[in-house]
Amino acid sequence: MIATPFIFILVYMSYLRSFAIIAIFLMAGKGFQSLTQIPIPGSILGMLLLFTALSTGLLPPNWAKPGCHLLIRHMAILFVPVGVGLMNYLDLLQANALPVLVSTLGSSLVVLLFVGWYVQRKESD
């Protein structure tokens, strides 16, 4: 019986550590973006920094895993505010529907063609 509260605390501490790591890399990316003024959002730079730390082994993957899994599990809920916010700009979206549609379909086609080419190239090696 005594081990149950201890395990409960350990689980929540792992979530806390994971969210702290994600937040630190987000702030680092935003700080890097504001210092360099490059036209890439700070959140994307933070994600790239986190990816680099994870892929080089500087950060153990199990430290970031609990928070990442929780965010991915509830990702659909996280898009609700964005969808509601888009309703404020419905007239702007209707006025630019054709460019948005063409760029979306065009970029999707480019990605599809590139991935198809890359997979065929890898399979032939």
Foldseek 3Di string as FASTA:
>chain_A
DVVVVVVVVVVVVLLVQQVVLLVVLLVVLCVVCVVVVDPDHSNVNSVVVVVVCPVVVVDPPSSNPVNVVVCVVCVVVVCVVVVVVVVVVPVVCVVCVVVVVCVVVVVVVVVVVVVVVVVVVVVVD
